[in-house]
Protein backbone atom coordinates (compact mmCIF):
# COMPACT_ATOMS: atom_id res chain seq x y z
CA MET A 1 -47.76 49.99 38.84
CA ALA A 2 -50.56 51.28 41.02
CA LYS A 3 -52.56 54.16 39.84
CA SER A 4 -51.05 56.57 42.34
CA SER A 5 -47.31 55.64 41.32
CA LYS A 6 -48.11 56.60 38.21
CA LYS A 7 -49.46 59.67 38.67
CA ALA A 8 -46.64 60.42 40.99
CA ALA A 9 -43.89 59.27 38.45
CA LYS A 10 -45.73 61.39 35.63
CA LYS A 11 -45.57 64.35 38.14
CA THR A 12 -42.04 63.91 38.65
CA ALA A 13 -41.30 63.33 35.08
CA LYS A 14 -43.05 66.61 34.51
CA LYS A 15 -40.86 68.33 36.79
CA ALA A 16 -38.08 66.96 35.23
CA ALA A 17 -38.61 69.09 32.12
CA THR A 18 -37.47 72.09 33.94
CA GLY A 19 -34.11 70.07 35.31
CA GLY A 20 -31.74 71.50 37.53
CA SER A 21 -30.82 70.78 41.18
CA ASP A 22 -33.49 71.31 42.66
CA LEU A 23 -34.94 68.36 40.47
CA ARG A 24 -32.32 65.88 41.30
CA ARG A 25 -32.77 66.90 45.52
CA HIS A 26 -36.26 66.23 44.85
CA ILE A 27 -35.91 62.73 43.30
CA VAL A 28 -33.16 61.63 45.63
CA ALA A 29 -35.00 62.38 48.79
CA ARG A 30 -38.03 60.87 47.19
CA ALA A 31 -36.21 57.66 46.27
CA ALA A 32 -35.10 57.48 50.16
CA ALA A 33 -38.01 57.55 51.35
CA ASP A 34 -40.44 55.78 48.75
CA PRO A 35 -39.02 52.10 47.82
CA ALA A 36 -41.25 51.47 44.53
CA PHE A 37 -40.11 54.66 43.30
CA ARG A 38 -36.48 53.98 44.07
CA ARG A 39 -36.73 50.61 42.46
CA LYS A 40 -38.07 52.83 39.01
CA LEU A 41 -35.21 54.99 39.15
CA PHE A 42 -32.60 52.42 39.53
CA ALA A 43 -33.96 50.56 36.75
CA ASP A 44 -34.60 53.40 34.49
CA PRO A 45 -33.32 56.63 35.77
CA ALA A 46 -33.68 58.63 32.19
CA THR A 47 -37.44 58.09 32.48
CA VAL A 48 -37.45 59.47 36.16
CA PHE A 49 -35.29 62.49 34.88
CA GLY A 50 -37.91 63.12 32.07
CA GLY A 51 -35.55 61.73 29.35
CA ARG A 52 -32.62 64.08 30.33
CA LEU A 53 -30.03 62.29 32.03
CA THR A 54 -27.09 64.54 32.90
CA ALA A 55 -23.94 63.68 34.11
CA ALA A 56 -24.89 65.16 37.24
CA ASP A 57 -27.84 63.12 37.36
CA LYS A 58 -25.94 59.81 36.75
CA ALA A 59 -23.40 60.84 39.67
CA ALA A 60 -26.55 61.05 41.85
CA VAL A 61 -28.26 57.97 41.08
CA GLU A 62 -24.57 56.21 41.24
CA ARG A 63 -24.23 57.84 45.16
CA MET A 64 -27.96 56.87 45.88
CA LYS A 65 -26.85 53.41 45.00
CA LYS A 66 -23.38 53.74 47.10
CA MET A 67 -25.41 54.91 50.12
CA LEU A 68 -28.73 52.36 50.21
CA PRO A 69 -27.06 49.96 52.14
CA ALA A 70 -26.11 52.76 55.33
CA LEU A 71 -29.66 54.44 55.15
CA GLU A 72 -31.71 51.29 55.23
CA GLY A 73 -29.19 50.81 58.27
CA ILE A 74 -29.98 53.98 59.77
CA VAL A 75 -33.73 53.67 59.13
CA SER A 76 -33.95 50.16 60.57
CA SER A 77 -32.06 51.40 63.92
CA LEU A 78 -34.37 54.45 64.20
CA ALA A 79 -37.17 52.26 63.73
CA GLY A 80 -36.15 50.11 66.63
CA GLU A 81 -35.38 53.40 68.48
CA VAL A 82 -39.25 54.49 68.14
CA LEU A 83 -40.65 51.12 68.44
CA CYS A 84 -39.13 49.84 71.21
CA GLY A 85 -38.44 52.82 73.36
CA GLY A 86 -35.01 53.04 73.19
CA GLY A 87 -33.91 49.53 72.43
CA GLY A 88 -35.17 47.80 75.49
CA GLY A 89 -38.13 44.94 75.30
CA CYS A 90 -38.71 44.40 71.80
CA GLY A 91 -38.49 40.86 71.64
CA GLY A 92 -36.64 41.11 68.56
CA LEU A 93 -39.29 42.58 66.41
CA ALA A 94 -36.76 45.62 65.33
């Protein structure tokens, strides 16, 4: 794991010590945007949540796993729109 990833994981675990839905929202948002963090979350959710994994935390991880394929499709589509100026002339790049 890269040094910045370790630092970020420690920061997230520190926030986990306070618990609550704010932490859950932070973790879900970060997992949506950061593939490395998402892999860590799916591999070891208890560590990401600071060792205290509640039923709500487990449910959030499961929802994230279920919505991931749709999320990746949306991101891919948006990237194509941004990079290709509305869907034309990309030559299969997006």
